[in-house]
């Protein structure tokens, strides 16, 4: 009878070892699957972040180009105004020089 109990305990022990081995195998599979899914999530999160960075970069670049165009337009207007003002001053200077010359010739 004692041998029978020992045999049954050995069978139970083997069954328990098989259950533990199965549980370890399932745990390893679950861990690997979780790591794979976490990697995929990180990858998709990283891809989404990269997309957002590209979008923001393009938006920033568009805003900068718009500002540059406005600055160039303003600079063109200012340059035209200065050129016109310079032309008027040049005409006035020529008239003044001509006046001094003619006065010098007439007065001298």
Protein backbone atom coordinates (compact mmCIF):
# COMPACT_ATOMS: atom_id res chain seq x y z
CA UNK A 1 0.00 0.00 0.00
CA UNK A 2 2.83 2.39 0.77
CA UNK A 3 4.32 1.73 -2.68
CA UNK A 4 0.95 2.54 -4.20
CA UNK A 5 0.85 5.91 -2.39
CA UNK A 6 4.45 6.70 -3.44
CA UNK A 7 3.62 5.78 -7.06
CA UNK A 8 0.57 8.01 -7.01
CA UNK A 9 2.63 10.85 -5.51
CA UNK A 10 5.26 10.42 -8.23
CA UNK A 11 2.55 10.52 -10.90
CA UNK A 12 1.10 13.65 -9.29
CA UNK A 13 4.59 15.17 -9.08
CA UNK A 14 5.15 14.46 -12.79
CA UNK A 15 1.76 15.92 -13.60
CA UNK A 16 2.60 19.00 -11.57
CA UNK A 17 6.00 19.33 -13.29
CA UNK A 18 4.26 19.03 -16.67
CA UNK A 19 1.77 21.73 -15.62
CA UNK A 20 4.60 23.98 -14.41
CA UNK A 21 6.52 23.42 -17.67
CA UNK A 22 3.36 24.22 -19.66
CA UNK A 23 2.75 27.35 -17.60
CA UNK A 24 6.37 28.45 -18.12
CA UNK A 25 6.01 27.86 -21.85
CA UNK A 26 2.77 29.88 -21.98
CA UNK A 27 4.37 32.62 -19.84
CA UNK A 28 7.35 32.81 -22.21
CA UNK A 29 4.98 33.06 -25.19
CA UNK A 30 2.93 35.77 -23.45
CA UNK A 31 6.10 37.69 -22.55
CA UNK A 32 7.43 37.48 -26.11
CA UNK A 33 4.06 38.52 -27.51
CA UNK A 34 3.89 41.44 -25.08
CA UNK A 35 7.42 42.54 -26.03
CA UNK A 36 6.54 42.32 -29.72
CA UNK A 37 3.35 44.32 -29.22
CA UNK A 38 5.19 46.90 -27.10
CA UNK A 39 7.81 47.23 -29.84
CA UNK A 40 5.10 47.68 -32.44
CA UNK A 41 3.38 50.28 -30.26
CA UNK A 42 6.67 52.14 -29.80
CA UNK A 43 7.27 51.91 -33.53
CA UNK A 44 3.84 53.24 -34.41
CA UNK A 45 4.14 55.91 -31.74
CA UNK A 46 7.54 56.89 -33.11
CA UNK A 47 6.16 56.96 -36.64
CA UNK A 48 3.30 59.19 -35.50
CA UNK A 49 5.77 61.46 -33.73
CA UNK A 50 7.95 61.65 -36.83
CA UNK A 51 4.88 62.49 -38.93
CA UNK A 52 3.96 65.26 -36.49
CA UNK A 53 7.52 66.62 -36.59
CA UNK A 54 7.44 66.64 -40.41
CA UNK A 55 4.03 68.37 -40.38
CA UNK A 56 5.19 71.01 -37.91
CA UNK A 57 8.42 71.50 -39.87
CA UNK A 58 6.48 72.02 -43.12
CA UNK A 59 4.10 74.43 -41.36
CA UNK A 60 7.05 76.36 -39.90
CA UNK A 61 8.77 76.48 -43.29
CA UNK A 62 5.58 77.76 -44.96
CA UNK A 63 5.22 80.48 -42.31
CA UNK A 64 8.87 81.49 -42.72
CA UNK A 65 8.49 81.68 -46.52
CA UNK A 66 5.37 83.82 -46.08
CA UNK A 67 7.21 86.17 -43.72
CA UNK A 68 10.17 86.36 -46.12
CA UNK A 69 7.82 87.27 -48.99
CA UNK A 70 6.21 90.01 -46.87
CA UNK A 71 9.62 91.37 -45.84
CA UNK A 72 10.80 91.35 -49.47
CA UNK A 73 7.62 93.15 -50.54
CA UNK A 74 8.08 95.77 -47.82
CA UNK A 75 11.75 96.15 -48.74
CA UNK A 76 10.81 96.63 -52.40
CA UNK A 77 8.33 99.36 -51.49
CA UNK A 78 10.88 101.07 -49.24
CA UNK A 79 13.57 100.83 -51.92
CA UNK A 80 11.22 102.37 -54.49
CA UNK A 81 10.31 105.17 -52.09
CA UNK A 82 13.99 105.85 -51.32
CA UNK A 83 14.87 105.80 -55.00
CA UNK A 84 12.10 108.29 -55.73
CA UNK A 85 13.19 110.48 -52.84
CA UNK A 86 16.82 110.22 -53.99
CA UNK A 87 15.79 111.19 -57.53
CA UNK A 88 13.96 114.27 -56.24
CA UNK A 89 16.97 115.24 -54.12
CA UNK A 90 19.27 114.67 -57.10
CA UNK A 91 17.10 116.97 -59.25
CA UNK A 92 17.13 119.58 -56.51
CA UNK A 93 20.89 119.25 -56.15
CA UNK A 94 21.39 119.62 -59.91
CA UNK A 95 19.16 122.71 -59.95
CA UNK A 96 21.07 124.15 -56.99
CA UNK A 97 24.41 123.41 -58.66
CA UNK A 98 23.20 124.91 -61.93
CA UNK A 99 22.02 128.01 -60.03
CA UNK A 100 25.44 128.42 -58.36
CA UNK A 101 27.17 127.95 -61.69
CA UNK A 102 24.95 130.41 -63.51
CA UNK A 103 25.17 132.92 -60.66
CA UNK A 104 28.94 132.48 -60.63
CA UNK A 105 29.15 133.02 -64.35
CA UNK A 106 26.75 135.97 -64.28
CA UNK A 107 28.18 137.49 -61.13
CA UNK A 108 31.79 136.98 -61.92
